[in-house]
Amino acid sequence: MATMLTAGQLEERTGGTFYTGPIEPAQNYLARHGYDTDSFPEHGKTTVLVGYTGEKVTWANCAEFGRAETPEIAWRYALGAAYGPVDDEFAPIDLDA
């Protein structure tokens, strides 16, 4: 059975789009499809950057990011930014593909 990312797993919150589904399949999907990510502490929080350039992702070339008090929440915001928002163009994604 495929692991699907659906509209119900993306919530709009004050900090941006938040992903509520399983983290590892969503991270693996990005890696398999050529997305670059980095996670690091910054100003007492964790920052996660997502980029599409094929280079080491930095603030200068990132396309999406998440920042929060914990690594898990930072990843959920970064994944929400990468996969969202839920709009007329949103389609479920098979994270195993």
C-alpha atoms as a PDB file:
ATOM      1  CA  MET A   1       0.000   0.000   0.000  1.00  0.00           C
ATOM      2  CA  ALA A   2       1.345   3.416  -0.974  1.00  0.00           C
ATOM      3  CA  THR A   3       2.093   6.136   1.543  1.00  0.00           C
ATOM      4  CA  MET A   4       0.035   9.071   0.309  1.00  0.00           C
ATOM      5  CA  LEU A   5       0.367  12.728   1.195  1.00  0.00           C
ATOM      6  CA  THR A   6      -3.146  14.129   1.185  1.00  0.00           C
ATOM      7  CA  ALA A   7      -4.724  17.545   1.668  1.00  0.00           C
ATOM      8  CA  GLY A   8      -5.833  16.447   5.140  1.00  0.00           C
ATOM      9  CA  GLN A   9      -2.164  16.267   6.203  1.00  0.00           C
ATOM     10  CA  LEU A  10      -1.493  19.945   5.474  1.00  0.00           C
ATOM     11  CA  GLU A  11      -2.832  22.515   7.934  1.00  0.00           C
ATOM     12  CA  GLU A  12      -2.563  26.281   7.720  1.00  0.00           C
ATOM     13  CA  ARG A  13      -1.172  27.601  10.992  1.00  0.00           C
ATOM     14  CA  THR A  14       0.178  30.938  12.180  1.00  0.00           C
ATOM     15  CA  GLY A  15       3.742  29.844  11.254  1.00  0.00           C
ATOM     16  CA  GLY A  16       2.769  28.635   7.766  1.00  0.00           C
ATOM     17  CA  THR A  17       1.651  25.345   6.252  1.00  0.00           C
ATOM     18  CA  PHE A  18       2.229  22.484   8.712  1.00  0.00           C
ATOM     19  CA  TYR A  19       2.599  18.832   7.628  1.00  0.00           C
ATOM     20  CA  THR A  20       0.924  16.327   9.986  1.00  0.00           C
ATOM     21  CA  GLY A  21       1.744  13.057   8.193  1.00  0.00           C
ATOM     22  CA  PRO A  22       4.652  10.640   8.638  1.00  0.00           C
ATOM     23  CA  ILE A  23       7.924  12.587   8.433  1.00  0.00           C
ATOM     24  CA  GLU A  24      10.380   9.974   7.136  1.00  0.00           C
ATOM     25  CA  PRO A  25       8.484   9.079   3.922  1.00  0.00           C
ATOM     26  CA  ALA A  26       8.049  12.796   3.139  1.00  0.00           C
ATOM     27  CA  GLN A  27      11.765  13.469   3.701  1.00  0.00           C
ATOM     28  CA  ASN A  28      12.762  10.438   1.618  1.00  0.00           C
ATOM     29  CA  TYR A  29      10.530  11.554  -1.252  1.00  0.00           C
ATOM     30  CA  LEU A  30      12.319  14.916  -1.379  1.00  0.00           C
ATOM     31  CA  ALA A  31      15.731  13.213  -1.363  1.00  0.00           C
ATOM     32  CA  ARG A  32      14.774  10.765  -4.143  1.00  0.00           C
ATOM     33  CA  HIS A  33      13.504  13.614  -6.317  1.00  0.00           C
ATOM     34  CA  GLY A  34      16.631  15.760  -6.151  1.00  0.00           C
ATOM     35  CA  TYR A  35      15.712  18.179  -3.387  1.00  0.00           C
ATOM     36  CA  ASP A  36      18.487  19.263  -1.048  1.00  0.00           C
ATOM     37  CA  THR A  37      17.856  19.800   2.662  1.00  0.00           C
ATOM     38  CA  ASP A  38      19.816  21.010   5.650  1.00  0.00           C
ATOM     39  CA  SER A  39      18.932  21.302   9.331  1.00  0.00           C
ATOM     40  CA  PHE A  40      20.818  23.325  11.919  1.00  0.00           C
ATOM     41  CA  PRO A  41      20.389  25.242  15.188  1.00  0.00           C
ATOM     42  CA  GLU A  42      19.901  28.984  14.786  1.00  0.00           C
ATOM     43  CA  HIS A  43      18.981  31.591  17.391  1.00  0.00           C
ATOM     44  CA  GLY A  44      17.784  28.985  19.901  1.00  0.00           C
ATOM     45  CA  LYS A  45      15.573  27.192  17.388  1.00  0.00           C
ATOM     46  CA  THR A  46      16.035  24.582  14.669  1.00  0.00           C
ATOM     47  CA  THR A  47      15.985  25.719  11.050  1.00  0.00           C
ATOM     48  CA  VAL A  48      15.344  23.371   8.120  1.00  0.00           C
ATOM     49  CA  LEU A  49      16.068  24.552   4.568  1.00  0.00           C
ATOM     50  CA  VAL A  50      14.789  22.913   1.356  1.00  0.00           C
ATOM     51  CA  GLY A  51      16.360  23.759  -1.995  1.00  0.00           C
ATOM     52  CA  TYR A  52      16.135  22.648  -5.599  1.00  0.00           C
ATOM     53  CA  THR A  53      19.424  23.849  -7.120  1.00  0.00           C
ATOM     54  CA  GLY A  54      21.501  20.668  -6.871  1.00  0.00           C
ATOM     55  CA  GLU A  55      23.944  22.510  -4.617  1.00  0.00           C
ATOM     56  CA  LYS A  56      24.329  22.573  -0.846  1.00  0.00           C
ATOM     57  CA  VAL A  57      21.229  24.399   0.317  1.00  0.00           C
ATOM     58  CA  THR A  58      21.794  27.701   2.129  1.00  0.00           C
ATOM     59  CA  TRP A  59      19.670  30.737   2.975  1.00  0.00           C
ATOM     60  CA  ALA A  60      20.822  32.222  -0.345  1.00  0.00           C
ATOM     61  CA  ASN A  61      19.392  29.414  -2.488  1.00  0.00           C
ATOM     62  CA  CYS A  62      16.650  27.771  -0.430  1.00  0.00           C
ATOM     63  CA  ALA A  63      13.128  27.680  -1.761  1.00  0.00           C
ATOM     64  CA  GLU A  64      11.329  26.635   1.414  1.00  0.00           C
ATOM     65  CA  PHE A  65      12.134  26.568   5.110  1.00  0.00           C
ATOM     66  CA  GLY A  66      10.802  25.771   8.548  1.00  0.00           C
ATOM     67  CA  ARG A  67      11.918  27.142  11.896  1.00  0.00           C
ATOM     68  CA  ALA A  68      10.667  26.026  15.298  1.00  0.00           C
ATOM     69  CA  GLU A  69      11.604  25.147  18.855  1.00  0.00           C
ATOM     70  CA  THR A  70      12.256  21.470  18.005  1.00  0.00           C
ATOM     71  CA  PRO A  71      13.704  19.690  14.956  1.00  0.00           C
ATOM     72  CA  GLU A  72      10.474  17.739  14.403  1.00  0.00           C
ATOM     73  CA  ILE A  73       8.288  20.835  14.295  1.00  0.00           C
ATOM     74  CA  ALA A  74      10.811  22.663  12.089  1.00  0.00           C
ATOM     75  CA  TRP A  75      10.716  19.719   9.656  1.00  0.00           C
ATOM     76  CA  ARG A  76       6.907  19.727   9.685  1.00  0.00           C
ATOM     77  CA  TYR A  77       6.850  23.411   8.689  1.00  0.00           C
ATOM     78  CA  ALA A  78       9.520  22.863   6.011  1.00  0.00           C
ATOM     79  CA  LEU A  79       7.612  19.884   4.599  1.00  0.00           C
ATOM     80  CA  GLY A  80       4.365  21.845   4.709  1.00  0.00           C
ATOM     81  CA  ALA A  81       6.030  24.638   2.742  1.00  0.00           C
ATOM     82  CA  ALA A  82       7.475  22.167   0.236  1.00  0.00           C
ATOM     83  CA  TYR A  83       4.223  20.264  -0.358  1.00  0.00           C
ATOM     84  CA  GLY A  84       1.583  22.925   0.256  1.00  0.00           C
ATOM     85  CA  PRO A  85      -0.489  24.899   0.128  1.00  0.00           C
ATOM     86  CA  VAL A  86      -3.748  23.097  -0.425  1.00  0.00           C
ATOM     87  CA  ASP A  87      -5.370  24.939  -3.305  1.00  0.00           C
ATOM     88  CA  ASP A  88      -7.102  24.156  -6.617  1.00  0.00           C
ATOM     89  CA  GLU A  89      -3.847  22.737  -8.022  1.00  0.00           C
ATOM     90  CA  PHE A  90      -3.089  20.396  -5.096  1.00  0.00           C
ATOM     91  CA  ALA A  91      -3.068  16.667  -5.916  1.00  0.00           C
ATOM     92  CA  PRO A  92      -2.270  13.823  -3.512  1.00  0.00           C
ATOM     93  CA  ILE A  93       1.352  12.634  -3.735  1.00  0.00           C
ATOM     94  CA  ASP A  94       2.504   9.011  -3.590  1.00  0.00           C
ATOM     95  CA  LEU A  95       5.487   9.376  -1.257  1.00  0.00           C
ATOM     96  CA  ASP A  96       6.753   5.910  -2.252  1.00  0.00           C
ATOM     97  CA  ALA A  97       7.168   6.937  -5.905  1.00  0.00           C
END
